[in-house]
Amino acid sequence: RQTVNESGVMEAAIQTVVKVFIKSSKGKENLGQKDFQNLVKSQLGNILSGADSKEAVKNMSQGLDSNNDGRVGFEEYMKLVGYLACSLSEQRNLENEEKEQKAATAQAAQ
């Protein structure tokens, strides 16, 4: 069960995801190529490899563009957010498993 504080953190995170899209799209329904490039570079550069590469970001936007209109809509943007969240979760789980294995190995060696 979540505490009120944890619930607030989740709500704030969702609001931030929406606000970033609205700001990046300048209130429009879709992100053009340049707007998507700027969003990825400014907001996702620390967790997304290739964020500085225009070609990599262009390929990413084309992969997200499920309706092939040349733009990234909110649902398409959310696919990226979901993918990144899953990747971070998997990475953290692997890191935790490695720590547990090291601790178990160290304890067995004693």
Protein backbone atom coordinates (compact mmCIF):
# COMPACT_ATOMS: atom_id res chain seq x y z
CA ARG A 1 0.00 0.00 0.00
CA GLN A 2 1.34 3.43 -0.94
CA THR A 3 1.66 6.26 1.49
CA VAL A 4 0.21 9.67 0.64
CA ASN A 5 3.72 10.94 -0.07
CA GLU A 6 4.50 8.12 -2.52
CA SER A 7 1.18 8.71 -4.26
CA GLY A 8 2.07 12.38 -4.65
CA VAL A 9 5.43 11.50 -6.19
CA MET A 10 3.76 9.28 -8.78
CA GLU A 11 1.16 11.91 -9.59
CA ALA A 12 3.87 14.56 -9.96
CA ALA A 13 5.85 12.28 -12.28
CA ILE A 14 2.83 11.73 -14.54
CA GLN A 15 2.09 15.45 -14.60
CA THR A 16 5.71 16.14 -15.52
CA VAL A 17 5.59 13.64 -18.42
CA VAL A 18 2.48 15.38 -19.77
CA LYS A 19 3.86 18.90 -19.22
CA VAL A 20 7.10 18.06 -21.03
CA PHE A 21 5.13 16.86 -24.07
CA ILE A 22 2.85 19.91 -24.10
CA LYS A 23 5.78 22.31 -23.72
CA SER A 24 7.86 20.50 -26.36
CA SER A 25 4.97 20.37 -28.83
CA LYS A 26 4.13 24.02 -28.13
CA GLY A 27 0.58 22.97 -27.24
CA LYS A 28 0.03 21.06 -30.48
CA GLU A 29 -1.10 17.44 -30.73
CA ASN A 30 2.17 16.22 -32.22
CA LEU A 31 5.90 16.77 -32.02
CA GLY A 32 7.62 17.63 -35.27
CA GLN A 33 11.08 16.21 -35.94
CA LYS A 34 12.93 19.25 -34.55
CA ASP A 35 10.73 19.42 -31.43
CA PHE A 36 11.24 15.69 -30.82
CA GLN A 37 15.02 16.10 -31.25
CA ASN A 38 15.04 18.91 -28.69
CA LEU A 39 12.91 16.94 -26.22
CA VAL A 40 15.14 13.86 -26.40
CA LYS A 41 18.35 15.86 -26.12
CA SER A 42 17.20 18.10 -23.26
CA GLN A 43 15.09 15.66 -21.25
CA LEU A 44 16.45 12.17 -21.93
CA GLY A 45 20.15 12.70 -22.58
CA ASN A 46 21.25 11.04 -19.34
CA ILE A 47 19.30 7.81 -19.77
CA LEU A 48 19.09 7.41 -23.52
CA SER A 49 22.19 6.55 -25.51
CA GLY A 50 22.42 8.37 -28.81
CA ALA A 51 20.40 11.36 -27.58
CA ASP A 52 23.00 13.68 -29.10
CA SER A 53 22.91 11.92 -32.48
CA LYS A 54 20.39 13.50 -34.85
CA GLU A 55 20.35 10.35 -36.97
CA ALA A 56 19.68 8.09 -33.95
CA VAL A 57 16.88 10.36 -32.73
CA LYS A 58 15.40 10.52 -36.24
CA ASN A 59 15.39 6.72 -36.42
CA MET A 60 13.79 6.58 -32.98
CA SER A 61 11.01 8.98 -34.00
CA GLN A 62 10.35 6.94 -37.15
CA GLY A 63 10.13 3.80 -35.03
CA LEU A 64 7.63 5.47 -32.70
CA ASP A 65 5.57 6.97 -35.54
CA SER A 66 3.00 4.15 -35.77
CA ASN A 67 0.62 6.08 -38.06
CA ASN A 68 3.46 7.22 -40.36
CA ASP A 69 2.50 10.90 -40.34
CA GLY A 70 6.09 12.03 -39.81
CA ARG A 71 5.30 13.35 -36.34
CA VAL A 72 5.27 11.90 -32.81
CA GLY A 73 1.87 12.08 -31.11
CA PHE A 74 1.26 11.77 -27.39
CA GLU A 75 0.49 8.02 -27.49
CA GLU A 76 3.63 7.42 -29.52
CA TYR A 77 5.63 9.53 -27.04
CA MET A 78 4.18 7.49 -24.18
CA LYS A 79 5.47 4.30 -25.82
CA LEU A 80 8.97 5.75 -25.50
CA VAL A 81 8.36 6.77 -21.88
CA GLY A 82 7.03 3.28 -21.09
CA TYR A 83 9.95 1.59 -22.82
CA LEU A 84 12.45 3.72 -20.90
CA ALA A 85 10.67 3.07 -17.59
CA CYS A 86 10.76 -0.70 -18.22
CA SER A 87 14.43 -0.55 -19.20
CA LEU A 88 15.34 1.38 -16.05
CA SER A 89 13.36 -1.07 -13.92
CA GLU A 90 15.13 -4.05 -15.49
CA GLN A 91 18.50 -2.37 -15.01
CA ARG A 92 17.79 -1.72 -11.32
CA ASN A 93 16.58 -5.30 -10.82
CA LEU A 94 19.80 -6.63 -12.36
CA GLU A 95 21.88 -4.34 -10.15
CA ASN A 96 20.00 -5.56 -7.06
CA GLU A 97 20.46 -9.21 -8.07
CA GLU A 98 24.20 -8.64 -8.54
CA LYS A 99 24.46 -7.04 -5.09
CA GLU A 100 22.57 -9.96 -3.52
CA GLN A 101 24.81 -12.49 -5.29
CA LYS A 102 27.97 -10.69 -4.15
CA ALA A 103 26.67 -10.55 -0.58
CA ALA A 104 25.78 -14.26 -0.65
CA THR A 105 29.19 -15.14 -2.11
CA ALA A 106 30.97 -13.04 0.52
CA GLN A 107 28.93 -14.62 3.31
CA ALA A 108 29.60 -18.14 2.00
CA ALA A 109 33.34 -17.40 1.88
CA GLN A 110 33.41 -16.58 5.59
